[in-house]
Protein backbone atom coordinates (compact mmCIF):
# COMPACT_ATOMS: atom_id res chain seq x y z
CA UNK A 1 106.46 178.07 156.64
CA UNK A 2 103.15 179.87 156.98
CA UNK A 3 100.12 177.68 156.43
CA UNK A 4 97.78 178.74 153.67
CA UNK A 5 94.26 178.52 155.00
CA UNK A 6 91.72 178.98 152.24
CA UNK A 7 88.31 179.74 153.81
CA UNK A 8 86.36 179.41 150.57
CA UNK A 9 85.88 175.74 149.68
CA UNK A 10 88.04 175.18 146.55
CA UNK A 11 86.85 171.58 146.35
CA UNK A 12 83.47 170.03 145.52
CA UNK A 13 81.11 169.94 148.49
CA UNK A 14 80.55 166.21 148.08
CA UNK A 15 84.13 165.61 149.27
CA UNK A 16 82.90 165.80 152.86
CA UNK A 17 79.62 163.97 152.25
CA UNK A 18 80.90 160.70 153.72
CA UNK A 19 79.13 160.03 157.05
CA UNK A 20 82.51 158.74 158.25
CA UNK A 21 83.88 162.29 158.32
CA UNK A 22 81.13 163.51 160.64
CA UNK A 23 81.87 160.66 163.02
CA UNK A 24 85.60 161.44 162.96
CA UNK A 25 84.70 165.08 163.60
CA UNK A 26 82.77 164.13 166.75
CA UNK A 27 85.62 161.93 167.98
CA UNK A 28 88.08 164.74 167.25
CA UNK A 29 86.03 167.03 169.51
CA UNK A 30 85.70 164.29 172.13
CA UNK A 31 89.50 163.91 172.33
CA UNK A 32 90.05 167.64 171.80
CA UNK A 33 92.67 167.06 169.06
CA UNK A 34 92.78 168.36 165.48
CA UNK A 35 92.17 165.82 162.71
CA UNK A 36 92.47 166.16 158.95
CA UNK A 37 91.79 164.11 155.84
CA UNK A 38 94.94 164.29 153.71
CA UNK A 39 96.34 162.81 150.51
CA UNK A 40 94.84 160.93 147.58
CA UNK A 41 91.21 161.23 148.65
CA UNK A 42 91.47 165.04 148.74
CA UNK A 43 93.35 165.12 145.44
CA UNK A 44 90.79 162.94 143.64
CA UNK A 45 87.85 164.90 145.02
CA UNK A 46 89.33 168.17 143.78
CA UNK A 47 89.90 166.55 140.39
CA UNK A 48 86.36 165.11 140.43
CA UNK A 49 87.73 161.73 139.32
CA UNK A 50 85.16 159.10 138.39
CA UNK A 51 86.90 156.50 140.56
CA UNK A 52 88.33 158.44 143.52
CA UNK A 53 90.75 156.85 145.93
CA UNK A 54 89.00 155.05 148.76
CA UNK A 55 92.26 154.86 150.73
CA UNK A 56 91.50 157.56 153.27
CA UNK A 57 94.38 159.04 155.30
CA UNK A 58 93.42 160.73 158.55
CA UNK A 59 96.17 162.78 160.22
CA UNK A 60 95.66 163.38 163.92
CA UNK A 61 97.76 165.90 165.83
CA UNK A 62 97.84 163.70 168.89
CA UNK A 63 96.24 160.33 169.65
CA UNK A 64 95.96 158.62 166.27
CA UNK A 65 95.53 155.06 167.55
CA UNK A 66 92.96 156.04 170.17
CA UNK A 67 91.06 158.05 167.54
CA UNK A 68 90.94 155.03 165.25
CA UNK A 69 89.60 152.77 168.03
CA UNK A 70 86.93 155.23 169.09
CA UNK A 71 85.83 155.91 165.50
CA UNK A 72 85.53 152.17 164.84
CA UNK A 73 83.40 151.78 167.99
CA UNK A 74 80.88 154.25 166.56
CA UNK A 75 80.54 152.47 163.19
CA UNK A 76 78.04 149.75 162.26
CA UNK A 77 79.08 147.09 161.58
CA UNK A 78 82.07 147.70 163.80
CA UNK A 79 85.33 147.13 161.89
CA UNK A 80 88.40 145.43 163.31
CA UNK A 81 91.23 147.89 164.00
CA UNK A 82 94.80 146.90 163.11
CA UNK A 83 97.43 148.73 165.15
CA UNK A 84 101.04 149.41 164.18
CA UNK A 85 102.35 150.85 167.43
CA UNK A 86 105.96 151.29 166.25
CA UNK A 87 104.74 153.82 163.69
CA UNK A 88 101.92 155.25 165.76
CA UNK A 89 99.35 154.25 163.14
CA UNK A 90 96.12 152.26 163.00
CA UNK A 91 93.78 151.25 160.19
CA UNK A 92 90.48 149.57 159.53
CA UNK A 93 88.43 148.59 156.51
CA UNK A 94 84.89 149.86 156.40
CA UNK A 95 82.54 149.21 153.48
CA UNK A 96 84.64 150.03 150.38
CA UNK A 97 87.13 152.19 152.29
CA UNK A 98 90.52 151.57 153.85
CA UNK A 99 90.91 154.16 156.59
CA UNK A 100 94.36 154.93 158.03
CA UNK A 101 94.85 157.01 161.17
CA UNK A 102 98.31 158.40 161.80
CA UNK A 103 99.64 160.78 164.39
CA UNK A 104 101.14 163.85 162.70
CA UNK A 105 104.83 163.09 162.34
CA UNK A 106 108.13 164.06 160.85
CA UNK A 107 110.55 161.58 159.35
CA UNK A 108 114.28 161.16 158.73
CA UNK A 109 115.98 158.49 156.65
CA UNK A 110 119.23 156.50 156.61
CA UNK A 111 121.14 156.30 153.34
CA UNK A 112 120.74 152.53 152.98
CA UNK A 113 117.05 152.22 153.82
CA UNK A 114 113.69 153.66 152.87
CA UNK A 115 112.33 152.92 156.36
CA UNK A 116 112.09 156.24 158.19
CA UNK A 117 112.93 157.22 161.75
CA UNK A 118 109.62 158.66 162.97
CA UNK A 119 109.02 161.42 165.52
CA UNK A 120 105.90 163.26 166.63
CA UNK A 121 105.26 166.42 164.67
CA UNK A 122 102.74 169.01 163.55
CA UNK A 123 100.36 168.95 160.58
CA UNK A 124 102.94 171.03 158.73
CA UNK A 125 105.63 168.41 159.45
CA UNK A 126 103.28 165.72 158.16
CA UNK A 127 102.54 167.64 154.96
CA UNK A 128 106.28 168.20 154.37
CA UNK A 129 106.93 164.44 154.42
CA UNK A 130 104.29 163.81 151.72
CA UNK A 131 105.56 162.68 148.32
CA UNK A 132 103.97 165.35 146.11
CA UNK A 133 102.24 168.69 146.52
CA UNK A 134 99.05 167.28 145.01
CA UNK A 135 99.00 164.71 147.84
CA UNK A 136 99.80 167.19 150.61
CA UNK A 137 96.50 169.10 150.70
CA UNK A 138 94.40 168.69 153.82
CA UNK A 139 90.81 169.33 154.91
CA UNK A 140 90.13 169.94 158.60
CA UNK A 141 87.60 167.69 160.36
CA UNK A 142 87.50 169.16 163.90
CA UNK A 143 84.16 170.97 164.41
CA UNK A 144 85.94 174.26 165.15
CA UNK A 145 87.46 174.34 161.64
CA UNK A 146 85.43 171.73 159.75
CA UNK A 147 85.96 171.95 156.00
CA UNK A 148 88.94 174.32 156.14
CA UNK A 149 91.36 173.70 153.25
CA UNK A 150 95.07 173.72 154.08
CA UNK A 151 97.50 173.83 151.16
CA UNK A 152 101.00 174.97 152.19
CA UNK A 153 102.74 173.88 148.97
CA UNK A 154 100.30 175.19 146.35
CA UNK A 155 99.05 171.71 145.49
CA UNK A 156 95.88 173.27 144.10
CA UNK A 157 97.98 175.26 141.62
CA UNK A 158 99.82 172.11 140.56
CA UNK A 159 96.51 170.28 140.08
CA UNK A 160 95.22 173.07 137.90
CA UNK A 161 98.48 173.16 135.90
CA UNK A 162 98.71 169.35 135.79
CA UNK A 163 102.17 169.16 137.34
CA UNK A 164 103.74 166.54 139.61
CA UNK A 165 106.03 168.37 142.04
CA UNK A 166 107.59 167.51 145.41
CA UNK A 167 106.93 169.65 148.52
CA UNK A 168 110.66 169.85 149.34
CA UNK A 169 113.94 169.44 147.42
CA UNK A 170 113.26 166.50 145.06
CA UNK A 171 116.80 165.16 145.50
CA UNK A 172 116.13 164.75 149.21
CA UNK A 173 112.63 163.40 148.59
CA UNK A 174 113.84 160.67 146.21
CA UNK A 175 117.00 159.82 148.08
CA UNK A 176 114.95 159.37 151.26
CA UNK A 177 112.31 157.20 149.61
CA UNK A 178 113.23 156.10 146.07
CA UNK A 179 109.83 154.46 145.51
CA UNK A 180 108.51 158.02 145.11
CA UNK A 181 110.20 158.17 141.69
CA UNK A 182 107.94 155.36 140.48
CA UNK A 183 104.96 157.02 142.14
CA UNK A 184 105.74 160.25 140.26
CA UNK A 185 105.64 158.33 136.99
CA UNK A 186 102.50 156.49 138.03
CA UNK A 187 100.64 159.73 138.87
CA UNK A 188 101.84 161.41 135.67
CA UNK A 189 100.54 158.41 133.71
CA UNK A 190 97.22 158.00 135.52
CA UNK A 191 96.35 161.70 135.69
CA UNK A 192 97.92 162.76 132.35
CA UNK A 193 100.16 165.22 134.23
CA UNK A 194 103.73 166.25 133.47
CA UNK A 195 106.58 165.93 135.93
CA UNK A 196 108.21 169.24 136.87
CA UNK A 197 111.64 169.60 135.18
CA UNK A 198 113.61 169.85 138.45
CA UNK A 199 111.76 166.80 139.77
CA UNK A 200 112.57 164.79 136.65
CA UNK A 201 116.23 165.87 136.80
CA UNK A 202 116.34 164.59 140.39
CA UNK A 203 114.88 161.26 139.23
CA UNK A 204 117.68 160.94 136.65
CA UNK A 205 120.27 161.64 139.34
CA UNK A 206 118.77 159.24 141.87
CA UNK A 207 117.42 156.41 139.70
CA UNK A 208 119.95 153.87 141.02
CA UNK A 209 118.53 154.35 144.53
CA UNK A 210 115.52 152.30 143.41
CA UNK A 211 117.64 149.20 144.05
CA UNK A 212 117.06 149.45 147.80
CA UNK A 213 113.29 149.15 147.29
CA UNK A 214 111.69 145.71 147.48
CA UNK A 215 110.45 144.28 144.19
CA UNK A 216 107.02 143.73 145.78
CA UNK A 217 106.62 147.51 146.23
CA UNK A 218 107.99 148.24 142.76
CA UNK A 219 105.59 145.86 141.01
CA UNK A 220 102.59 147.44 142.75
CA UNK A 221 103.47 150.72 141.03
CA UNK A 222 104.22 148.94 137.74
CA UNK A 223 100.81 147.29 137.79
CA UNK A 224 99.13 150.66 138.37
CA UNK A 225 101.02 152.09 135.40
CA UNK A 226 99.95 149.04 133.37
CA UNK A 227 96.30 149.63 134.30
CA UNK A 228 96.26 153.27 133.21
CA UNK A 229 94.50 154.39 130.04
CA UNK A 230 97.80 154.93 128.21
CA UNK A 231 100.55 152.84 129.82
CA UNK A 232 103.14 153.84 127.20
CA UNK A 233 103.43 157.24 128.90
CA UNK A 234 104.73 155.55 132.02
CA UNK A 235 107.15 153.25 130.22
CA UNK A 236 108.62 156.13 128.23
CA UNK A 237 109.16 158.04 131.48
CA UNK A 238 110.73 154.95 133.05
CA UNK A 239 113.14 154.83 130.12
CA UNK A 240 113.94 158.56 130.06
CA UNK A 241 114.57 158.65 133.83
CA UNK A 242 116.95 155.66 133.78
CA UNK A 243 114.63 153.56 135.95
CA UNK A 244 113.69 151.10 133.21
CA UNK A 245 117.17 149.57 133.09
CA UNK A 246 117.23 149.26 136.90
CA UNK A 247 113.90 147.46 137.28
CA UNK A 248 113.20 145.86 133.89
CA UNK A 249 116.43 145.15 131.97
CA UNK A 250 114.64 142.78 129.56
CA UNK A 251 112.48 145.67 128.31
CA UNK A 252 115.47 148.01 128.19
CA UNK A 253 117.25 145.50 125.92
CA UNK A 254 114.45 145.89 123.35
CA UNK A 255 115.27 149.55 122.67
CA UNK A 256 116.90 150.86 119.54
CA UNK A 257 117.22 149.92 115.88
CA UNK A 258 119.99 148.45 113.79
CA UNK A 259 120.64 148.94 110.06
CA UNK A 260 122.50 146.51 107.83
CA UNK A 261 122.73 146.72 104.05
CA UNK A 262 120.27 149.63 104.23
CA UNK A 263 117.71 147.35 105.92
CA UNK A 264 116.41 148.52 109.30
CA UNK A 265 114.20 146.73 111.81
CA UNK A 266 111.62 148.53 113.93
CA UNK A 267 112.31 149.62 117.52
CA UNK A 268 110.85 146.67 119.40
CA UNK A 269 110.44 148.63 122.65
CA UNK A 270 108.39 151.37 120.98
CA UNK A 271 106.37 148.75 119.09
CA UNK A 272 105.68 146.88 122.34
CA UNK A 273 104.38 149.85 124.29
CA UNK A 274 102.16 150.76 121.34
CA UNK A 275 100.73 147.22 121.42
CA UNK A 276 100.18 147.73 125.16
CA UNK A 277 98.27 150.96 124.47
CA UNK A 278 96.24 149.23 121.75
CA UNK A 279 95.18 146.39 124.02
CA UNK A 280 94.46 148.77 126.91
CA UNK A 281 91.70 150.32 124.81
CA UNK A 282 90.07 146.88 124.58
CA UNK A 283 90.49 145.29 128.01
CA UNK A 284 91.02 145.90 131.73
CA UNK A 285 92.51 142.43 132.12
CA UNK A 286 95.88 143.12 133.81
CA UNK A 287 97.36 139.80 132.74
CA UNK A 288 96.35 140.24 129.10
CA UNK A 289 98.15 143.58 129.28
CA UNK A 290 101.20 141.77 130.68
CA UNK A 291 101.02 139.36 127.73
CA UNK A 292 101.09 142.39 125.42
CA UNK A 293 104.12 143.80 127.24
CA UNK A 294 106.02 140.50 127.03
CA UNK A 295 104.90 139.14 123.66
CA UNK A 296 108.15 140.16 121.89
CA UNK A 297 110.43 140.01 124.93
CA UNK A 298 112.78 137.49 123.26
CA UNK A 299 113.29 139.43 120.03
CA UNK A 300 116.67 140.89 121.13
CA UNK A 301 117.95 137.36 121.84
CA UNK A 302 116.70 135.95 118.52
CA UNK A 303 117.53 138.86 116.21
CA UNK A 304 119.47 137.81 113.12
CA UNK A 305 120.22 139.39 109.74
CA UNK A 306 119.93 137.01 106.77
CA UNK A 307 121.07 138.21 103.36
CA UNK A 308 118.10 138.37 101.02
CA UNK A 309 115.58 138.08 103.88
CA UNK A 310 116.51 140.97 106.14
CA UNK A 311 116.03 140.91 109.89
CA UNK A 312 114.48 137.81 111.42
CA UNK A 313 113.41 136.86 114.94
CA UNK A 314 112.78 133.16 114.43
CA UNK A 315 111.59 131.35 117.53
CA UNK A 316 111.10 134.50 119.61
CA UNK A 317 107.62 133.34 120.64
CA UNK A 318 109.02 130.04 121.96
CA UNK A 319 111.99 131.61 123.77
CA UNK A 320 109.74 134.41 125.05
CA UNK A 321 107.40 131.89 126.66
CA UNK A 322 110.42 130.37 128.40
CA UNK A 323 111.45 133.80 129.72
CA UNK A 324 108.03 134.57 131.25
CA UNK A 325 108.45 132.44 134.43
CA UNK A 326 111.91 133.93 135.08
CA UNK A 327 110.60 137.48 134.70
CA UNK A 328 107.56 136.79 136.89
CA UNK A 329 109.77 135.22 139.56
CA UNK A 330 112.20 138.16 139.59
CA UNK A 331 109.42 140.75 139.67
CA UNK A 332 107.64 138.82 142.45
CA UNK A 333 104.55 138.44 140.26
CA UNK A 334 102.28 135.45 140.98
CA UNK A 335 103.76 132.11 139.90
CA UNK A 336 100.36 130.52 139.35
CA UNK A 337 97.69 130.30 136.64
CA UNK A 338 98.18 134.00 135.86
CA UNK A 339 101.79 133.37 134.88
CA UNK A 340 100.81 130.29 132.84
CA UNK A 341 98.14 132.35 131.06
CA UNK A 342 100.70 135.02 130.06
CA UNK A 343 103.17 132.31 129.05
CA UNK A 344 100.58 130.61 126.83
CA UNK A 345 99.62 133.83 125.03
CA UNK A 346 103.27 134.74 124.42
CA UNK A 347 103.90 131.26 122.99
CA UNK A 348 100.85 131.38 120.68
CA UNK A 349 100.79 135.03 119.60
CA UNK A 350 102.06 134.31 116.07
CA UNK A 351 99.80 131.34 115.38
CA UNK A 352 96.62 133.17 114.27
CA UNK A 353 98.62 135.04 111.61
CA UNK A 354 99.15 131.74 109.78
CA UNK A 355 95.37 131.26 109.68
CA UNK A 356 94.81 134.40 107.58
CA UNK A 357 95.61 132.58 104.31
CA UNK A 358 92.87 131.03 102.22
CA UNK A 359 94.68 127.70 102.12
CA UNK A 360 94.58 127.16 105.88
CA UNK A 361 93.35 123.70 106.87
CA UNK A 362 90.64 122.84 109.35
CA UNK A 363 93.31 120.83 111.16
CA UNK A 364 95.37 123.98 111.85
CA UNK A 365 92.29 125.74 113.22
CA UNK A 366 91.43 122.76 115.43
CA UNK A 367 94.98 122.66 116.83
CA UNK A 368 94.91 126.34 117.74
CA UNK A 369 91.53 125.97 119.41
CA UNK A 370 92.80 122.97 121.35
CA UNK A 371 96.00 124.69 122.51
CA UNK A 372 94.45 128.08 123.31
CA UNK A 373 91.32 126.66 124.95
CA UNK A 374 89.19 129.28 126.68
CA UNK A 375 91.89 131.90 126.08
CA UNK A 376 91.37 131.92 122.31
CA UNK A 377 89.40 135.20 122.37
CA UNK A 378 92.11 136.90 124.44
CA UNK A 379 94.73 135.58 122.02
CA UNK A 380 92.86 137.12 119.10
CA UNK A 381 92.59 140.43 120.97
CA UNK A 382 96.38 140.35 121.49
CA UNK A 383 96.99 139.59 117.80
CA UNK A 384 94.80 142.48 116.70
CA UNK A 385 96.59 144.83 119.13
CA UNK A 386 99.90 143.68 117.62
CA UNK A 387 99.10 145.56 114.39
CA UNK A 388 101.04 148.83 114.72
CA UNK A 389 101.58 149.90 111.12
CA UNK A 390 101.16 153.61 110.31
CA UNK A 391 99.58 152.56 107.00
CA UNK A 392 95.83 152.71 107.66
CA UNK A 393 95.02 150.57 104.62
CA UNK A 394 97.41 147.87 105.84
CA UNK A 395 95.94 147.97 109.35
CA UNK A 396 92.41 147.69 107.96
CA UNK A 397 93.42 144.70 105.81
CA UNK A 398 95.04 142.92 108.78
CA UNK A 399 91.97 143.50 110.96
CA UNK A 400 89.69 142.16 108.21
CA UNK A 401 91.90 139.07 107.95
CA UNK A 402 91.70 138.49 111.69
CA UNK A 403 87.93 138.82 111.52
CA UNK A 404 87.95 135.98 108.98
CA UNK A 405 90.09 133.97 111.41
CA UNK A 406 87.53 134.57 114.15
CA UNK A 407 84.81 133.25 111.82
CA UNK A 408 86.90 130.15 110.99
CA UNK A 409 87.46 129.50 114.68
CA UNK A 410 83.75 129.83 115.41
CA UNK A 411 82.77 127.49 112.54
CA UNK A 412 85.23 124.75 113.54
CA UNK A 413 84.35 125.06 117.23
CA UNK A 414 80.64 124.65 116.49
CA UNK A 415 81.34 121.63 114.25
CA UNK A 416 84.04 119.80 116.19
CA UNK A 417 83.90 121.09 119.81
CA UNK A 418 87.66 120.81 120.32
CA UNK A 419 88.17 123.76 122.66
CA UNK A 420 89.53 122.29 125.91
CA UNK A 421 88.39 118.84 124.80
CA UNK A 422 89.49 115.77 126.75
CA UNK A 423 90.14 112.54 124.79
CA UNK A 424 86.76 110.75 124.64
CA UNK A 425 88.49 107.45 125.45
CA UNK A 426 90.23 107.53 128.84
CA UNK A 427 93.27 105.72 130.15
CA UNK A 428 90.92 103.62 132.28
CA UNK A 429 89.00 102.56 129.15
CA UNK A 430 92.24 101.48 127.49
CA UNK A 431 93.43 99.45 130.51
CA UNK A 432 90.00 97.80 130.85
CA UNK A 433 89.75 96.97 127.13
CA UNK A 434 93.19 95.39 126.86
CA UNK A 435 93.53 94.15 130.43
CA UNK A 436 96.84 95.94 131.00
CA UNK A 437 98.29 97.99 133.87
CA UNK A 438 99.47 101.60 133.46
CA UNK A 439 102.13 101.67 130.73
CA UNK A 440 103.68 103.67 127.89
CA UNK A 441 101.25 102.12 125.38
CA UNK A 442 98.33 103.90 127.06
CA UNK A 443 99.94 107.27 126.37
CA UNK A 444 100.67 106.26 122.77
CA UNK A 445 97.03 105.35 122.15
CA UNK A 446 95.68 108.51 123.84
CA UNK A 447 98.00 110.68 121.72
CA UNK A 448 96.95 108.81 118.57
CA UNK A 449 93.27 109.50 119.33
CA UNK A 450 93.96 113.16 120.04
CA UNK A 451 95.94 113.59 116.80
CA UNK A 452 93.22 111.81 114.77
CA UNK A 453 90.58 114.19 116.13
CA UNK A 454 92.72 117.28 115.51
CA UNK A 455 93.57 116.10 111.99
CA UNK A 456 89.90 115.41 111.27
CA UNK A 457 90.50 111.69 110.67
CA UNK A 458 87.73 110.96 113.18
CA UNK A 459 85.14 113.12 114.88
CA UNK A 460 85.31 114.12 118.53
CA UNK A 461 82.98 111.21 119.29
CA UNK A 462 83.41 108.44 121.88
CA UNK A 463 82.36 105.53 119.69
CA UNK A 464 84.53 106.63 116.74
CA UNK A 465 87.46 107.19 119.07
CA UNK A 466 87.02 103.74 120.64
CA UNK A 467 87.01 101.98 117.28
CA UNK A 468 90.06 103.98 116.18
CA UNK A 469 91.82 102.99 119.40
CA UNK A 470 91.28 99.27 118.67
CA UNK A 471 92.59 99.76 115.14
CA UNK A 472 95.75 101.50 116.42
CA UNK A 473 96.21 98.95 119.20
CA UNK A 474 96.33 96.11 116.67
CA UNK A 475 99.36 97.79 115.08
CA UNK A 476 101.04 97.61 118.47
CA UNK A 477 100.24 93.92 118.78
CA UNK A 478 97.66 94.45 121.54
CA UNK A 479 94.68 92.09 121.93
CA UNK A 480 91.19 93.09 123.10
CA UNK A 481 90.30 91.36 126.38
CA UNK A 482 87.09 93.23 127.16
CA UNK A 483 85.24 94.87 124.28
CA UNK A 484 83.37 97.77 125.87
CA UNK A 485 81.27 98.16 122.72
CA UNK A 486 79.63 94.84 123.63
CA UNK A 487 79.84 94.90 127.42
CA UNK A 488 79.11 98.53 128.29
CA UNK A 489 76.95 99.75 125.41
CA UNK A 490 75.52 102.57 127.47
CA UNK A 491 78.94 104.14 127.99
CA UNK A 492 80.16 103.84 124.42
């Protein structure tokens, strides 16, 4: 294949403004080997993206590891170089950049693995192994050809026409490295490109190959799709390609509608990805977006037709919250506070709807504030995103109702301070007052105090709570041994 050298710069001049490139250029001359910047950095510069990739791939036709070491030596502060000798690569982090040096190479794959057999090669070999034409463009850094643009697969054309296309036969590309199918969807979603028809056909034929890819690598691409401006694009492509069922069967189960007695329910999958789009216009919080994706995940399991009522999904919020840890574990997502946050929002996502009626009690508002804690604002954002009616008047009415809920929440919070509150009387206070060791009665009294505060029977006040505790303890036949009201007046 003849290389296409384009002498006129078809990319913005600022693409080579990084001082790093001048240093690499000097090292390239010092070692007398060609070097090129290739891949996402070039693509994003040509596109003039607001947030260009700072993962910078440097292809060296020769001593990639030595080039990385020498470049690092010339930088201040000097970065630590990590070397991966088996692959002939090295990388370092410098300022906000992750810089990878790789010797130009060609690759071959085994049927049962996405780990390639690597051999030395030319720049052309290296560009052939790239996933997509838009990631195979290179800019020369050696002083003899500095700034020269090399585009053997017409990546510039595909950028201009907004097409994701593979440099070689897509069936070979995806069979060799099935993760590239997810990357195709991710780029189409992030860049608002379309996938070339032959490429998409190859994805349909090879979608089952994704099963050899580790879930850790898959979820990286999923998260990038989730963080795009319109994630629904990616999830529709996942569905149409067959990949959705392979990597996310719980979402796949949400697809479709059923009609009984001329009553039809909505397509829960399409509703869900619309909710995801809605919330993506409001927040960059990845885990709030995950809560949107999973909020109705249990609807297929709870779907029931009741004569006279139609389709119901009773308890889907409760069952959905139980499914969250299993899904996170399978997808290798973090099993920590992030998972618990998503689980909480899924469990509570129907609760604010009940607060839209005029008859709602202060007690119900207090309970929601207590259970949601600091996540109450995110919960309200999720509830508002969950409005997907095509009736603009209905949407406006729902949003106005939720605004009233927000005002109720604010009023009660200012009056009662129950968000994240801890019982004003502690277990230690109870043991000291009644002279008892740890026991079940302590839990009973603490729960009674909490319920009294949430119901509005007493205020969230230490003295009131202490007196209420003594009153409840008498019903349990407990006697006061040390009255803290008299002994420790400063603490009560």
